[in-house]
C-alpha atoms as a PDB file:
ATOM      1  CA  MET A   1      85.568  37.524 191.072  1.00  0.00           C
ATOM      2  CA  LYS A   2      84.312  41.112 191.474  1.00  0.00           C
ATOM      3  CA  ASN A   3      87.213  42.377 189.265  1.00  0.00           C
ATOM      4  CA  ALA A   4      86.401  39.944 186.524  1.00  0.00           C
ATOM      5  CA  LEU A   5      82.701  41.092 186.576  1.00  0.00           C
ATOM      6  CA  HIS A   6      83.752  44.593 186.221  1.00  0.00           C
ATOM      7  CA  LEU A   7      86.110  43.802 183.443  1.00  0.00           C
ATOM      8  CA  MET A   8      83.471  41.891 181.591  1.00  0.00           C
ATOM      9  CA  THR A   9      80.949  44.696 181.978  1.00  0.00           C
ATOM     10  CA  GLY A  10      83.507  47.270 180.674  1.00  0.00           C
ATOM     11  CA  ILE A  11      84.253  45.100 177.588  1.00  0.00           C
ATOM     12  CA  PHE A  12      80.564  44.605 176.888  1.00  0.00           C
ATOM     13  CA  ILE A  13      79.992  48.469 177.089  1.00  0.00           C
ATOM     14  CA  LEU A  14      82.962  49.319 174.899  1.00  0.00           C
ATOM     15  CA  THR A  15      81.723  46.738 172.324  1.00  0.00           C
ATOM     16  CA  LEU A  16      78.290  48.142 172.342  1.00  0.00           C
ATOM     17  CA  PHE A  17      79.521  51.674 171.691  1.00  0.00           C
ATOM     18  CA  ALA A  18      82.093  50.496 168.940  1.00  0.00           C
ATOM     19  CA  SER A  19      79.384  48.639 167.147  1.00  0.00           C
ATOM     20  CA  CYS A  20      76.961  51.798 167.167  1.00  0.00           C
ATOM     21  CA  GLY A  21      79.763  54.050 165.680  1.00  0.00           C
ATOM     22  CA  SER A  22      80.735  51.725 162.923  1.00  0.00           C
ATOM     23  CA  ASN A  23      77.243  51.647 161.388  1.00  0.00           C
ATOM     24  CA  LYS A  24      78.468  53.416 158.220  1.00  0.00           C
ATOM     25  CA  ASP A  25      78.077  50.760 155.563  1.00  0.00           C
ATOM     26  CA  LEU A  26      77.705  51.136 151.873  1.00  0.00           C
ATOM     27  CA  GLN A  27      74.394  49.926 150.679  1.00  0.00           C
ATOM     28  CA  GLU A  28      74.512  47.345 147.891  1.00  0.00           C
ATOM     29  CA  ARG A  29      71.056  48.060 146.636  1.00  0.00           C
ATOM     30  CA  ALA A  30      70.493  51.440 145.054  1.00  0.00           C
ATOM     31  CA  PRO A  31      67.959  53.694 146.685  1.00  0.00           C
ATOM     32  CA  ALA A  32      66.544  54.620 143.227  1.00  0.00           C
ATOM     33  CA  GLN A  33      66.930  53.782 139.537  1.00  0.00           C
ATOM     34  CA  PHE A  34      69.534  56.192 138.139  1.00  0.00           C
ATOM     35  CA  ASN A  35      70.330  57.114 134.554  1.00  0.00           C
ATOM     36  CA  GLU A  36      73.750  58.161 133.551  1.00  0.00           C
ATOM     37  CA  VAL A  37      75.396  60.417 136.276  1.00  0.00           C
ATOM     38  CA  TYR A  38      77.443  63.205 134.974  1.00  0.00           C
ATOM     39  CA  TYR A  39      79.113  66.449 135.820  1.00  0.00           C
ATOM     40  CA  THR A  40      79.940  69.719 134.123  1.00  0.00           C
ATOM     41  CA  TYR A  41      82.381  72.538 134.949  1.00  0.00           C
ATOM     42  CA  THR A  42      80.534  75.795 135.338  1.00  0.00           C
ATOM     43  CA  SER A  43      81.869  79.295 135.891  1.00  0.00           C
ATOM     44  CA  ASN A  44      81.510  78.780 139.672  1.00  0.00           C
ATOM     45  CA  GLY A  45      82.904  75.179 140.050  1.00  0.00           C
ATOM     46  CA  ILE A  46      81.523  71.776 139.385  1.00  0.00           C
ATOM     47  CA  GLN A  47      77.873  70.751 138.903  1.00  0.00           C
ATOM     48  CA  LEU A  48      76.994  67.044 139.603  1.00  0.00           C
ATOM     49  CA  ASN A  49      73.788  65.805 137.999  1.00  0.00           C
ATOM     50  CA  ILE A  50      72.040  62.727 139.172  1.00  0.00           C
ATOM     51  CA  PRO A  51      69.091  61.859 136.827  1.00  0.00           C
ATOM     52  CA  VAL A  52      66.672  59.486 138.444  1.00  0.00           C
ATOM     53  CA  ALA A  53      64.423  57.242 136.559  1.00  0.00           C
ATOM     54  CA  ALA A  54      62.378  55.973 139.462  1.00  0.00           C
ATOM     55  CA  ILE A  55      62.455  56.739 143.280  1.00  0.00           C
ATOM     56  CA  GLN A  56      59.959  56.224 146.099  1.00  0.00           C
ATOM     57  CA  ASP A  57      59.586  59.769 147.368  1.00  0.00           C
ATOM     58  CA  GLN A  58      57.680  58.491 150.504  1.00  0.00           C
ATOM     59  CA  ARG A  59      60.493  56.312 151.773  1.00  0.00           C
ATOM     60  CA  ILE A  60      63.657  57.906 150.490  1.00  0.00           C
ATOM     61  CA  THR A  61      65.167  61.538 150.548  1.00  0.00           C
ATOM     62  CA  MET A  62      68.434  62.247 148.819  1.00  0.00           C
ATOM     63  CA  ASP A  63      70.495  64.426 151.210  1.00  0.00           C
ATOM     64  CA  ALA A  64      74.003  65.086 150.069  1.00  0.00           C
ATOM     65  CA  VAL A  65      76.977  63.822 147.897  1.00  0.00           C
ATOM     66  CA  TYR A  66      80.713  63.478 148.286  1.00  0.00           C
ATOM     67  CA  PHE A  67      82.564  64.074 145.021  1.00  0.00           C
ATOM     68  CA  HIS A  68      86.082  65.168 144.178  1.00  0.00           C
ATOM     69  CA  GLY A  69      87.031  65.719 147.799  1.00  0.00           C
ATOM     70  CA  MET A  70      84.008  67.843 148.747  1.00  0.00           C
ATOM     71  CA  LYS A  71      80.591  67.424 149.978  1.00  0.00           C
ATOM     72  CA  SER A  72      77.486  69.261 148.843  1.00  0.00           C
ATOM     73  CA  GLU A  73      73.730  69.226 149.394  1.00  0.00           C
ATOM     74  CA  LEU A  74      71.529  67.586 146.746  1.00  0.00           C
ATOM     75  CA  ASN A  75      68.656  69.717 145.382  1.00  0.00           C
ATOM     76  CA  LYS A  76      65.789  68.719 143.127  1.00  0.00           C
ATOM     77  CA  SER A  77      66.000  70.648 139.823  1.00  0.00           C
ATOM     78  CA  GLU A  78      63.107  73.066 139.163  1.00  0.00           C
ATOM     79  CA  GLU A  79      63.299  72.566 135.427  1.00  0.00           C
ATOM     80  CA  LYS A  80      63.533  68.764 135.376  1.00  0.00           C
ATOM     81  CA  PRO A  81      61.618  66.964 138.047  1.00  0.00           C
ATOM     82  CA  ASN A  82      63.697  63.744 137.976  1.00  0.00           C
ATOM     83  CA  LEU A  83      67.057  65.402 138.242  1.00  0.00           C
ATOM     84  CA  TYR A  84      69.003  66.046 141.467  1.00  0.00           C
ATOM     85  CA  VAL A  85      71.905  68.587 141.336  1.00  0.00           C
ATOM     86  CA  ALA A  86      74.843  69.229 143.685  1.00  0.00           C
ATOM     87  CA  ASN A  87      77.038  72.276 143.194  1.00  0.00           C
ATOM     88  CA  PHE A  88      80.591  72.433 144.335  1.00  0.00           C
ATOM     89  CA  ARG A  89      82.179  75.886 144.514  1.00  0.00           C
ATOM     90  CA  MET A  90      85.761  76.048 143.367  1.00  0.00           C
ATOM     91  CA  GLY A  91      86.357  79.727 143.958  1.00  0.00           C
ATOM     92  CA  SER A  92      86.847  80.587 140.310  1.00  0.00           C
ATOM     93  CA  GLU A  93      84.125  83.282 140.238  1.00  0.00           C
ATOM     94  CA  ASP A  94      85.087  87.019 140.144  1.00  0.00           C
ATOM     95  CA  MET A  95      85.537  88.419 143.600  1.00  0.00           C
ATOM     96  CA  ILE A  96      85.007  92.136 144.387  1.00  0.00           C
ATOM     97  CA  MET A  97      88.241  93.535 145.968  1.00  0.00           C
ATOM     98  CA  HIS A  98      87.812  96.996 147.465  1.00  0.00           C
ATOM     99  CA  GLU A  99      89.540  99.174 150.065  1.00  0.00           C
ATOM    100  CA  ASP A 100      86.289  99.401 151.938  1.00  0.00           C
ATOM    101  CA  PRO A 101      85.504  95.834 153.327  1.00  0.00           C
ATOM    102  CA  LYS A 102      81.845  96.599 153.226  1.00  0.00           C
ATOM    103  CA  GLU A 103      82.011  96.603 149.397  1.00  0.00           C
ATOM    104  CA  GLU A 104      83.353  92.996 149.455  1.00  0.00           C
ATOM    105  CA  TYR A 105      80.287  91.709 151.136  1.00  0.00           C
ATOM    106  CA  GLY A 106      78.778  88.875 149.106  1.00  0.00           C
ATOM    107  CA  ASN A 107      82.199  87.380 147.991  1.00  0.00           C
ATOM    108  CA  ARG A 108      81.772  83.577 148.472  1.00  0.00           C
ATOM    109  CA  PRO A 109      84.823  81.622 149.534  1.00  0.00           C
ATOM    110  CA  PRO A 110      85.637  78.461 147.726  1.00  0.00           C
ATOM    111  CA  GLN A 111      84.212  75.212 149.286  1.00  0.00           C
ATOM    112  CA  LEU A 112      86.470  73.677 151.817  1.00  0.00           C
ATOM    113  CA  PRO A 113      87.449  69.932 151.181  1.00  0.00           C
ATOM    114  CA  GLU A 114      85.596  67.490 153.189  1.00  0.00           C
ATOM    115  CA  GLU A 115      86.758  63.805 153.072  1.00  0.00           C
ATOM    116  CA  SER A 116      84.363  61.147 152.135  1.00  0.00           C
ATOM    117  CA  PRO A 117      83.562  58.447 154.793  1.00  0.00           C
ATOM    118  CA  PHE A 118      84.606  55.834 152.159  1.00  0.00           C
ATOM    119  CA  SER A 119      87.518  55.758 149.621  1.00  0.00           C
ATOM    120  CA  ILE A 120      86.241  56.627 146.070  1.00  0.00           C
ATOM    121  CA  ASP A 121      87.947  57.085 142.772  1.00  0.00           C
ATOM    122  CA  GLU A 122      87.639  60.198 140.511  1.00  0.00           C
ATOM    123  CA  ASP A 123      84.626  58.732 138.624  1.00  0.00           C
ATOM    124  CA  GLU A 124      82.797  57.828 141.825  1.00  0.00           C
ATOM    125  CA  ALA A 125      80.658  59.621 144.364  1.00  0.00           C
ATOM    126  CA  ILE A 126      79.102  58.718 147.721  1.00  0.00           C
ATOM    127  CA  LEU A 127      75.386  59.398 147.823  1.00  0.00           C
ATOM    128  CA  VAL A 128      73.990  60.201 151.251  1.00  0.00           C
ATOM    129  CA  PHE A 129      70.330  59.443 151.559  1.00  0.00           C
ATOM    130  CA  THR A 130      67.686  58.815 154.307  1.00  0.00           C
ATOM    131  CA  GLN A 131      65.531  55.812 154.334  1.00  0.00           C
ATOM    132  CA  TYR A 132      62.941  55.350 157.059  1.00  0.00           C
ATOM    133  CA  ASP A 133      64.684  58.049 159.179  1.00  0.00           C
ATOM    134  CA  LYS A 134      68.166  56.040 158.887  1.00  0.00           C
ATOM    135  CA  LEU A 135      71.059  57.774 157.236  1.00  0.00           C
ATOM    136  CA  LYS A 136      72.608  55.521 154.525  1.00  0.00           C
ATOM    137  CA  TYR A 137      75.315  55.580 151.955  1.00  0.00           C
ATOM    138  CA  TYR A 138      75.541  54.431 148.399  1.00  0.00           C
ATOM    139  CA  LYS A 139      78.480  54.566 145.841  1.00  0.00           C
ATOM    140  CA  LEU A 140      77.721  55.972 142.465  1.00  0.00           C
ATOM    141  CA  THR A 141      80.140  54.751 139.794  1.00  0.00           C
ATOM    142  CA  GLY A 142      81.028  55.543 136.233  1.00  0.00           C
ATOM    143  CA  ILE A 143      80.337  59.310 136.519  1.00  0.00           C
ATOM    144  CA  VAL A 144      81.382  61.003 133.275  1.00  0.00           C
ATOM    145  CA  GLU A 145      82.187  64.652 132.440  1.00  0.00           C
ATOM    146  CA  LYS A 146      79.925  66.307 129.897  1.00  0.00           C
ATOM    147  CA  GLU A 147      80.409  69.715 128.188  1.00  0.00           C
END
């Protein structure tokens, strides 16, 4: 009887911890109203642009995005108030190579790959946002390339 009680307690604790760790679900409702999401190639890599038509800034903060096998922070554009931008470094900018390593200071390495917590296609991204102090995920689809 005592062994059965220990076994049941152990199973309960494992189930409790397993349910806490698997709380990464994609949200079906968008955290904001988005216009057409697009990306462009820059001299440094890829710039993902997320235009927002409406968002409740008091409840939601846009944190990061997974796109093309990388993760980047989302920043609000200074020129356009309703545009969030993520920059992904591809390592294509000119690097200073010098025999004195001090002269190479400031070279930025390419961004390391970081796998998305969900499987996505080439025209999709995972938006990471915070709502009421809870981390949530939303899949952006139909992302197009612009020149």
